[in-house]
């Protein structure tokens, strides 16, 4: 239901621009192997991006020294409103909206899009998630063993050009639908688990002669 609505929203006719026109920064993580530390700042790899929830799982990240983090350029330090974007492998094309302020850095297999003030971060996240933009990323990816979206391809992705109020309205609608579909999904999972437990109970009773 959510994916169907997402596709319909971004199928509607509108002017298109390159992603670079809506962002003040489009970059990727550090290309040099980072120094590891027992404590410090989380370093995010592509395996820490959860595809289903489009969130970062910080539970198993390794750490880098605070000194290493401090020396990174500002566009390598995610902040609220930035969008992380996986650019390599089977998890290519997952946008993750940064919703909380915490220090972390990331590897080169993850891109960072920093929207301009007149671009709503939530709306742009949905735009990058849409099938229309995802197909551009996959078509533009290169590499034999492992497909990769280069920064030039990422910057050149075509996205709708809409006024900020319209962006915010669409993002709010999609937020509402996403929340409702997740709620329904959780209910159905609970029902399936209850049915499975009932099935096992009935089978046990049947084979033990209790029925």
Protein backbone atom coordinates (compact mmCIF):
# COMPACT_ATOMS: atom_id res chain seq x y z
CA UNK A 1 0.00 0.00 0.00
CA UNK A 2 2.73 2.46 0.95
CA UNK A 3 4.91 1.64 -2.05
CA UNK A 4 1.93 1.98 -4.38
CA UNK A 5 1.08 5.42 -3.02
CA UNK A 6 4.73 6.48 -3.10
CA UNK A 7 4.96 5.55 -6.76
CA UNK A 8 1.74 7.36 -7.63
CA UNK A 9 2.89 10.56 -5.89
CA UNK A 10 6.14 10.74 -7.84
CA UNK A 11 4.57 9.68 -11.14
CA UNK A 12 2.60 12.90 -11.32
CA UNK A 13 3.80 15.36 -13.91
CA UNK A 14 6.11 18.12 -12.67
CA UNK A 15 9.29 19.87 -13.65
CA UNK A 16 12.46 17.95 -12.85
CA UNK A 17 15.90 19.10 -11.79
CA UNK A 18 19.12 17.37 -10.92
CA UNK A 19 19.56 16.42 -7.29
CA UNK A 20 22.58 18.73 -7.10
CA UNK A 21 20.26 21.74 -7.58
CA UNK A 22 18.37 20.88 -4.37
CA UNK A 23 21.41 20.16 -2.20
CA UNK A 24 24.19 22.29 -0.78
CA UNK A 25 26.41 19.21 -0.37
CA UNK A 26 26.54 15.79 -2.01
CA UNK A 27 29.51 13.74 -0.92
CA UNK A 28 30.52 10.34 0.42
CA UNK A 29 32.45 9.02 3.40
CA UNK A 30 36.17 8.92 3.99
CA UNK A 31 38.04 6.77 1.45
CA UNK A 32 40.97 6.04 3.74
CA UNK A 33 40.76 3.13 6.20
CA UNK A 34 39.88 4.73 9.54
CA UNK A 35 41.79 4.01 12.74
CA UNK A 36 39.80 1.86 15.16
CA UNK A 37 39.42 2.54 18.87
CA UNK A 38 37.79 0.81 21.84
CA UNK A 39 35.84 3.99 22.60
CA UNK A 40 35.13 7.10 20.62
CA UNK A 41 32.88 8.03 17.71
CA UNK A 42 30.71 5.45 15.83
CA UNK A 43 31.85 4.71 12.27
CA UNK A 44 28.97 3.58 10.07
CA UNK A 45 29.40 1.00 7.33
CA UNK A 46 26.80 -0.06 4.78
CA UNK A 47 25.98 -3.14 6.87
CA UNK A 48 24.73 -0.83 9.63
CA UNK A 49 21.94 0.49 7.40
CA UNK A 50 18.69 -1.43 8.02
CA UNK A 51 16.85 -1.69 4.72
CA UNK A 52 13.40 -2.44 6.15
CA UNK A 53 13.29 0.51 8.54
CA UNK A 54 15.65 2.82 6.66
CA UNK A 55 17.53 3.56 9.87
CA UNK A 56 21.07 3.25 11.18
CA UNK A 57 21.71 0.42 13.63
CA UNK A 58 24.36 1.73 16.01
CA UNK A 59 24.51 -1.45 18.11
CA UNK A 60 27.45 -3.10 16.31
CA UNK A 61 29.39 -0.20 14.81
CA UNK A 62 33.08 0.05 15.48
CA UNK A 63 34.58 3.22 16.95
CA UNK A 64 37.15 5.71 15.72
CA UNK A 65 39.15 8.13 17.89
CA UNK A 66 37.56 11.50 18.59
CA UNK A 67 40.67 13.15 17.12
CA UNK A 68 40.03 11.44 13.78
CA UNK A 69 36.41 12.64 13.78
CA UNK A 70 37.36 16.21 14.62
CA UNK A 71 39.70 16.41 11.61
CA UNK A 72 36.96 15.44 9.14
CA UNK A 73 35.47 18.14 6.93
CA UNK A 74 32.04 19.46 7.97
CA UNK A 75 30.36 17.74 5.02
CA UNK A 76 31.64 14.40 6.34
CA UNK A 77 29.87 14.88 9.68
CA UNK A 78 26.13 14.13 9.39
CA UNK A 79 23.68 16.49 11.05
CA UNK A 80 19.91 16.64 11.49
CA UNK A 81 18.18 16.93 8.13
CA UNK A 82 20.96 15.26 6.14
CA UNK A 83 20.14 12.19 4.08
CA UNK A 84 22.46 9.20 3.99
CA UNK A 85 22.28 7.18 0.76
CA UNK A 86 23.75 3.73 0.20
CA UNK A 87 25.65 3.64 -3.08
CA UNK A 88 27.07 0.10 -3.28
CA UNK A 89 26.03 -3.54 -3.43
CA UNK A 90 22.75 -5.30 -2.72
CA UNK A 91 21.55 -2.53 -0.42
CA UNK A 92 22.11 0.17 -3.04
CA UNK A 93 19.66 3.06 -3.07
CA UNK A 94 18.46 3.23 0.55
CA UNK A 95 17.90 6.79 1.80
CA UNK A 96 18.16 7.36 5.56
CA UNK A 97 16.99 10.64 7.04
CA UNK A 98 19.11 11.82 9.97
CA UNK A 99 16.56 12.76 12.64
CA UNK A 100 18.70 13.14 15.74
CA UNK A 101 21.90 14.97 16.46
CA UNK A 102 24.71 12.61 17.39
CA UNK A 103 28.32 12.41 16.35
CA UNK A 104 29.16 9.68 13.84
CA UNK A 105 31.00 9.28 10.56
CA UNK A 106 30.63 6.89 7.66
CA UNK A 107 32.45 4.93 4.98
CA UNK A 108 32.72 5.74 1.28
CA UNK A 109 29.98 3.24 0.38
CA UNK A 110 27.50 5.69 1.87
CA UNK A 111 26.69 9.05 0.32
CA UNK A 112 25.48 12.17 2.08
CA UNK A 113 22.95 14.63 0.68
CA UNK A 114 22.53 17.93 2.55
CA UNK A 115 19.33 19.63 1.29
CA UNK A 116 19.20 23.37 0.74
CA UNK A 117 16.92 25.43 3.04
CA UNK A 118 14.15 25.50 0.42
CA UNK A 119 14.09 21.70 0.18
CA UNK A 120 12.26 19.62 2.79
CA UNK A 121 14.47 16.76 3.99
CA UNK A 122 11.62 14.31 4.56
CA UNK A 123 10.16 14.96 1.11
CA UNK A 124 13.56 14.54 -0.55
CA UNK A 125 14.05 11.26 1.33
CA UNK A 126 10.79 9.97 -0.11
CA UNK A 127 11.77 11.22 -3.56
CA UNK A 128 15.04 9.24 -3.37
CA UNK A 129 13.09 6.20 -2.17
CA UNK A 130 10.60 6.38 -5.05
CA UNK A 131 10.83 3.77 -7.84
CA UNK A 132 11.34 6.55 -10.37
CA UNK A 133 14.57 7.75 -8.75
CA UNK A 134 15.72 4.31 -7.61
CA UNK A 135 15.61 3.07 -11.22
CA UNK A 136 17.86 5.95 -12.28
CA UNK A 137 20.38 4.98 -9.61
CA UNK A 138 20.42 1.32 -10.60
CA UNK A 139 20.68 2.09 -14.32
CA UNK A 140 23.50 4.54 -13.67
CA UNK A 141 25.43 2.20 -11.36
CA UNK A 142 28.62 0.62 -12.67
CA UNK A 143 30.89 -2.27 -11.72
CA UNK A 144 31.01 -5.97 -12.51
CA UNK A 145 31.38 -7.62 -9.11
CA UNK A 146 29.60 -4.93 -7.11
CA UNK A 147 27.39 -2.21 -8.56
CA UNK A 148 28.20 1.31 -7.36
CA UNK A 149 26.50 4.67 -7.83
CA UNK A 150 29.21 7.28 -8.39
CA UNK A 151 28.92 10.77 -6.95
CA UNK A 152 28.42 12.17 -10.45
CA UNK A 153 25.46 9.83 -11.02
CA UNK A 154 24.06 10.65 -7.56
CA UNK A 155 24.32 14.37 -8.22
CA UNK A 156 22.66 13.95 -11.59
CA UNK A 157 19.57 12.04 -10.42
CA UNK A 158 16.41 13.74 -11.69
CA UNK A 159 13.92 14.68 -8.98
CA UNK A 160 10.71 16.76 -9.05
CA UNK A 161 10.94 20.50 -8.56
CA UNK A 162 8.17 21.59 -6.19
CA UNK A 163 7.54 24.56 -3.94
CA UNK A 164 8.43 24.04 -0.28
CA UNK A 165 4.80 24.08 1.00
CA UNK A 166 3.90 21.37 -1.51
CA UNK A 167 6.93 19.32 -0.48
CA UNK A 168 5.91 19.54 3.18
CA UNK A 169 2.32 18.54 2.38
CA UNK A 170 3.42 15.46 0.42
CA UNK A 171 5.91 14.46 3.14
CA UNK A 172 3.21 14.74 5.82
CA UNK A 173 0.84 12.55 3.77
CA UNK A 174 3.52 9.91 3.20
CA UNK A 175 4.53 10.01 6.88
CA UNK A 176 0.91 9.31 7.84
CA UNK A 177 0.55 6.44 5.36
CA UNK A 178 3.90 4.94 6.38
CA UNK A 179 2.90 5.06 10.05
CA UNK A 180 -0.47 3.44 9.37
CA UNK A 181 0.93 0.67 7.16
CA UNK A 182 3.60 -0.09 9.77
CA UNK A 183 0.90 -0.27 12.45
CA UNK A 184 -1.17 -2.64 10.32
CA UNK A 185 1.91 -4.71 9.56
CA UNK A 186 2.64 -5.09 13.28
CA UNK A 187 -0.96 -6.18 13.95
CA UNK A 188 -0.85 -8.80 11.20
CA UNK A 189 2.47 -10.13 12.49
CA UNK A 190 0.94 -10.53 15.96
CA UNK A 191 -2.07 -12.35 14.47
CA UNK A 192 0.16 -14.67 12.45
CA UNK A 193 2.20 -15.47 15.58
CA UNK A 194 -1.00 -16.17 17.54
CA UNK A 195 -2.33 -18.44 14.78
CA UNK A 196 0.97 -20.34 14.65
CA UNK A 197 0.86 -20.83 18.42
CA UNK A 198 -2.75 -22.03 18.20
CA UNK A 199 -1.84 -24.45 15.42
CA UNK A 200 0.99 -25.95 17.48
CA UNK A 201 -1.30 -26.23 20.50
CA UNK A 202 -4.03 -28.02 18.51
CA UNK A 203 -1.52 -30.40 16.94
CA UNK A 204 -0.06 -31.20 20.34
CA UNK A 205 -3.53 -31.87 21.75
CA UNK A 206 -4.47 -33.99 18.73
CA UNK A 207 -1.39 -36.22 18.95
CA UNK A 208 -1.62 -36.52 22.74
CA UNK A 209 -5.29 -37.55 22.61
CA UNK A 210 -6.52 -34.45 24.39
CA UNK A 211 -8.99 -33.57 21.64
